[in-house]
Protein backbone atom coordinates (compact mmCIF):
# COMPACT_ATOMS: atom_id res chain seq x y z
CA MET A 1 -19.35 31.08 -7.10
CA SER A 2 -17.46 30.12 -4.04
CA LEU A 3 -15.13 27.27 -3.84
CA ALA A 4 -17.58 25.79 -1.07
CA ASP A 5 -20.56 26.00 -3.44
CA VAL A 6 -18.24 24.16 -6.02
CA LEU A 7 -17.20 21.33 -3.43
CA ASP A 8 -20.27 21.19 -1.45
CA PRO A 9 -22.13 18.58 -4.09
CA LEU A 10 -18.83 16.09 -3.93
CA GLN A 11 -19.88 15.60 0.29
CA GLN A 12 -23.54 15.07 -0.31
CA PRO A 13 -24.14 11.32 0.29
CA LEU A 14 -24.71 8.87 -2.60
CA VAL A 15 -25.33 5.70 -0.89
CA THR A 16 -25.72 4.43 2.73
CA VAL A 17 -23.55 1.58 3.88
CA LEU A 18 -24.06 -0.01 7.13
CA GLY A 19 -26.14 2.78 8.05
CA THR A 20 -23.54 5.25 7.67
CA PRO A 21 -24.04 7.70 4.30
CA VAL A 22 -21.51 7.42 1.82
CA SER A 23 -19.93 10.68 0.09
CA TRP A 24 -19.15 11.41 -3.51
CA THR A 25 -15.96 12.39 -2.37
CA GLU A 26 -15.32 8.90 -0.98
CA VAL A 27 -16.77 6.74 -3.74
CA LEU A 28 -14.43 8.78 -6.30
CA GLY A 29 -11.42 8.30 -3.66
CA PHE A 30 -12.14 4.72 -3.78
CA GLY A 31 -12.49 4.40 -7.57
CA SER A 32 -9.32 6.40 -8.53
CA GLY A 33 -7.29 5.04 -5.21
CA ALA A 34 -8.23 1.33 -6.81
CA LEU A 35 -7.12 2.32 -10.34
CA CYS A 36 -3.83 4.02 -9.21
CA VAL A 37 -2.53 0.93 -7.25
CA TRP A 38 -3.52 -1.13 -9.80
CA LEU A 39 -1.42 0.54 -12.33
CA VAL A 40 1.23 1.13 -9.93
CA ALA A 41 1.48 -2.61 -9.79
CA ARG A 42 1.79 -3.09 -13.46
CA GLN A 43 4.38 -0.29 -13.46
CA HIS A 44 2.40 1.91 -15.96
CA LEU A 45 2.88 5.64 -15.98
CA ALA A 46 -0.35 6.90 -15.72
CA ASN A 47 -0.75 6.03 -11.94
CA TRP A 48 0.92 9.07 -11.14
CA PRO A 49 -2.04 11.61 -12.61
CA ILE A 50 -4.59 8.92 -11.15
CA GLY A 51 -2.85 9.02 -8.17
CA ILE A 52 -2.89 12.90 -7.91
CA ALA A 53 -6.67 13.00 -8.45
CA ASN A 54 -7.10 10.52 -5.76
CA ASN A 55 -5.03 12.74 -3.37
CA LEU A 56 -7.29 15.44 -4.08
CA PHE A 57 -10.62 13.91 -3.56
CA PHE A 58 -8.63 12.63 -0.06
CA ILE A 59 -7.89 15.80 1.04
CA LEU A 60 -11.58 16.63 1.16
CA LEU A 61 -12.67 13.40 2.84
CA PHE A 62 -9.84 13.30 5.45
CA THR A 63 -10.38 17.02 6.36
CA GLN A 64 -13.96 16.30 7.22
CA SER A 65 -13.13 13.23 9.49
CA GLY A 66 -10.80 14.75 11.64
CA LEU A 67 -7.65 12.79 9.85
CA TYR A 68 -5.48 15.87 9.87
CA ALA A 69 -2.17 14.10 9.23
CA ASP A 70 -3.90 11.91 6.33
CA ALA A 71 -5.08 15.10 4.61
CA GLY A 72 -2.00 17.29 5.06
CA LEU A 73 0.02 13.85 3.55
CA GLN A 74 -2.05 13.92 0.32
CA ILE A 75 -0.04 17.31 -0.30
CA VAL A 76 3.05 15.81 0.01
CA PHE A 77 1.67 12.90 -1.71
CA ILE A 78 0.81 14.89 -4.94
CA ALA A 79 5.01 16.64 -4.50
CA LEU A 80 6.22 13.09 -4.66
CA ALA A 81 3.86 12.11 -7.19
CA ALA A 82 5.75 14.89 -9.51
CA TYR A 83 8.90 13.57 -8.39
CA GLY A 84 7.84 9.99 -9.17
CA TRP A 85 6.62 10.39 -12.52
CA TRP A 86 9.85 12.45 -13.52
CA THR A 87 12.14 9.65 -12.02
CA TRP A 88 9.92 6.80 -13.28
CA THR A 89 10.82 8.69 -17.29
CA HIS A 90 14.31 10.15 -16.57
CA GLY A 91 15.48 8.69 -13.80
CA GLY A 92 17.20 5.39 -15.61
CA GLY A 93 19.93 7.24 -16.67
CA PRO A 94 21.11 7.81 -20.23
CA ASP A 95 21.38 4.10 -20.91
CA ALA A 96 17.98 3.59 -19.69
CA PRO A 97 14.54 4.51 -21.03
CA GLU A 98 13.25 3.71 -17.93
CA LEU A 99 13.90 3.63 -14.35
CA PRO A 100 14.38 -0.16 -13.71
CA VAL A 101 13.01 -2.07 -10.62
CA ARG A 102 15.78 -2.67 -7.83
CA ARG A 103 15.95 -3.87 -4.23
CA THR A 104 16.62 -1.36 -1.12
CA THR A 105 20.05 -0.88 -0.05
CA ARG A 106 21.06 -1.55 3.94
CA THR A 107 21.86 2.24 3.53
CA GLU A 108 18.27 3.22 2.08
CA TRP A 109 16.68 0.93 4.74
CA THR A 110 18.60 2.66 7.68
CA TRP A 111 17.85 5.85 6.41
CA LEU A 112 13.78 5.01 5.94
CA LEU A 113 13.80 3.49 9.60
CA VAL A 114 15.53 6.77 10.79
CA ALA A 115 12.87 8.81 8.89
CA GLY A 116 9.64 6.57 10.04
CA VAL A 117 10.52 6.49 13.46
CA VAL A 118 11.42 10.21 13.77
CA GLY A 119 8.22 11.18 11.92
CA THR A 120 5.92 9.21 13.91
CA VAL A 121 6.81 10.40 17.11
CA ALA A 122 6.95 14.02 15.70
CA LEU A 123 3.69 13.70 13.97
CA THR A 124 2.09 11.95 17.45
CA VAL A 125 3.47 14.82 19.20
CA LEU A 126 1.80 17.45 16.95
CA LEU A 127 -1.44 16.10 16.76
CA ASP A 128 -2.00 15.46 20.01
CA HIS A 129 -1.42 19.07 21.15
CA ALA A 130 -2.40 20.99 18.19
CA THR A 131 -5.54 18.88 16.68
CA ASP A 132 -8.68 17.48 18.45
CA SER A 133 -7.60 14.03 16.56
CA THR A 134 -8.82 10.88 18.62
CA VAL A 135 -6.30 9.05 16.97
CA PRO A 136 -3.08 10.73 16.74
CA PHE A 137 -0.37 7.56 17.00
CA TRP A 138 -2.51 5.61 14.23
CA ASP A 139 -2.62 8.74 12.19
CA ALA A 140 1.19 9.67 12.46
CA LEU A 141 2.23 5.65 12.11
CA THR A 142 0.26 5.33 8.78
CA THR A 143 1.33 8.93 7.46
CA ALA A 144 4.67 7.95 8.11
CA LEU A 145 4.62 4.58 6.51
CA SER A 146 2.90 5.80 3.70
CA LEU A 147 5.35 8.56 3.13
CA THR A 148 8.16 6.09 3.04
CA ALA A 149 6.32 3.77 0.77
CA THR A 150 6.10 6.38 -1.77
CA TYR A 151 9.44 7.60 -1.52
CA GLY A 152 10.38 3.73 -2.00
CA GLN A 153 7.93 3.69 -4.99
CA CYS A 154 9.26 6.58 -6.55
CA ARG A 155 12.60 5.02 -6.74
CA LYS A 156 11.12 1.45 -7.54
CA LEU A 157 12.43 -0.30 -4.84
CA VAL A 158 10.69 -3.88 -4.50
CA GLU A 159 10.25 -3.68 -0.88
CA SER A 160 8.19 -0.38 -0.80
CA TRP A 161 5.47 -3.11 -1.31
CA LEU A 162 6.17 -4.09 2.05
CA LEU A 163 6.06 -0.83 3.51
CA TRP A 164 2.60 -0.06 2.14
CA ILE A 165 1.16 -3.75 3.17
CA ALA A 166 1.95 -2.68 6.73
CA ALA A 167 0.59 0.35 6.43
CA ASP A 168 -2.79 -0.99 4.86
CA VAL A 169 -2.85 -3.23 7.83
CA VAL A 170 -3.07 -0.10 9.86
CA TYR A 171 -5.66 1.56 7.43
CA ILE A 172 -8.43 -0.77 7.30
CA PRO A 173 -9.11 -0.96 11.01
CA LEU A 174 -8.26 2.73 11.37
CA TYR A 175 -10.95 4.00 8.95
CA ALA A 176 -13.41 1.57 9.87
CA TYR A 177 -13.26 3.17 13.31
CA LYS A 178 -14.08 6.20 11.76
CA GLU A 179 -16.94 4.94 10.12
CA LEU A 180 -15.29 5.26 6.79
CA TYR A 181 -16.46 1.93 5.86
CA LEU A 182 -15.92 2.14 1.73
CA THR A 183 -12.57 3.43 2.36
CA SER A 184 -11.82 0.80 4.80
CA LEU A 185 -13.04 -1.60 2.04
CA LEU A 186 -10.90 -0.13 -0.41
CA TYR A 187 -7.87 -0.59 1.62
CA VAL A 188 -8.65 -4.18 1.66
CA GLY A 189 -8.17 -4.30 -2.06
CA PHE A 190 -5.39 -2.37 -1.93
CA LEU A 191 -3.74 -5.10 0.55
CA ALA A 192 -4.42 -7.52 -2.17
CA LEU A 193 -3.28 -5.25 -4.80
CA CYS A 194 0.36 -4.55 -2.82
CA LEU A 195 0.52 -8.13 -2.46
CA ILE A 196 0.21 -8.58 -6.51
CA GLY A 197 2.46 -5.74 -6.80
CA LEU A 198 5.36 -7.42 -4.69
CA ARG A 199 5.04 -10.37 -6.75
CA ASN A 200 4.93 -8.34 -10.16
CA TRP A 201 8.26 -6.51 -9.06
CA ARG A 202 9.77 -9.39 -7.81
CA ARG A 203 9.40 -11.04 -10.94
CA ASP A 204 10.66 -8.03 -13.20
CA LEU A 205 13.56 -8.14 -10.94
CA ALA A 206 14.07 -11.76 -11.67
CA VAL A 207 13.83 -11.04 -15.41
CA GLN A 208 16.56 -8.18 -15.30
CA HIS A 209 18.87 -10.35 -13.71
CA ARG A 210 18.42 -13.42 -15.69
CA PRO A 211 20.48 -12.32 -18.67
CA VAL A 212 23.04 -11.41 -16.33
CA GLU A 213 23.06 -14.78 -14.89
CA ALA A 214 22.96 -16.89 -18.16
CA ALA A 215 25.80 -14.80 -19.64
CA ALA A 216 28.11 -16.83 -17.29
CA GLU A 217 26.79 -19.83 -18.48
CA PRO A 218 28.40 -21.85 -21.58
CA GLY A 219 27.07 -21.42 -24.47
CA TYR A 220 24.86 -18.36 -23.58
CA GLY A 221 24.31 -16.16 -26.87
CA VAL A 222 23.34 -18.75 -28.87
CA GLY A 223 19.58 -19.19 -29.32
CA VAL A 224 18.56 -17.50 -25.99
CA GLY A 225 15.45 -15.46 -25.67
CA ARG A 226 14.64 -12.75 -23.54
CA GLY A 227 11.05 -12.08 -21.70
CA ARG A 228 9.58 -9.35 -19.06
CA GLY A 229 7.32 -10.45 -16.61
CA GLY A 230 5.48 -8.01 -14.48
CA SER A 231 1.67 -7.91 -15.92
CA LEU A 232 -1.24 -8.62 -13.85
């Protein structure tokens, strides 16, 4: 049995949406992607293996649709997922069991901006000259935004959600244009989950700072309780 024989059932239509057949690959990508983002918003470690499964489904889907940068992006996502999985469990240092949520520094913003611009330009040129992509700039832009957002997510940078939101705003009409209607709908859900994730991570950041602020107040340490936000 060849690899094509294994993958062929996943490419068969499951349902029809707005006159367009939707494959098993797109449906499974929809489900695993929604679950992954929901788990990230809750800072649940299981988001990483679920995300890797989602990347594998999307490699098939995007290759079939001619979104080559997005297909290649999934391979990078898998590598970043392995890095993020390790960082979330070991990146907090010897005194912290988990990596804490934090804000993006000015230096990090500078590097993310440079990487995003250079990546967008380079990928646009590559896709325009080396592939038959009909949307080279938009494919490149979403790829660059997604990579910088994923790196920020690996480091638990609150503002990584803003990068995801920007990417989703472009992804929604892009996938609809490519007649990937279910995936476009998925990214509407991603956008909503990103807004929830941004709220939750900001709440966690406020909770982390609260004991520090309270410690400077008279009487701190007498009957002071601590809580942790961030759950949906």
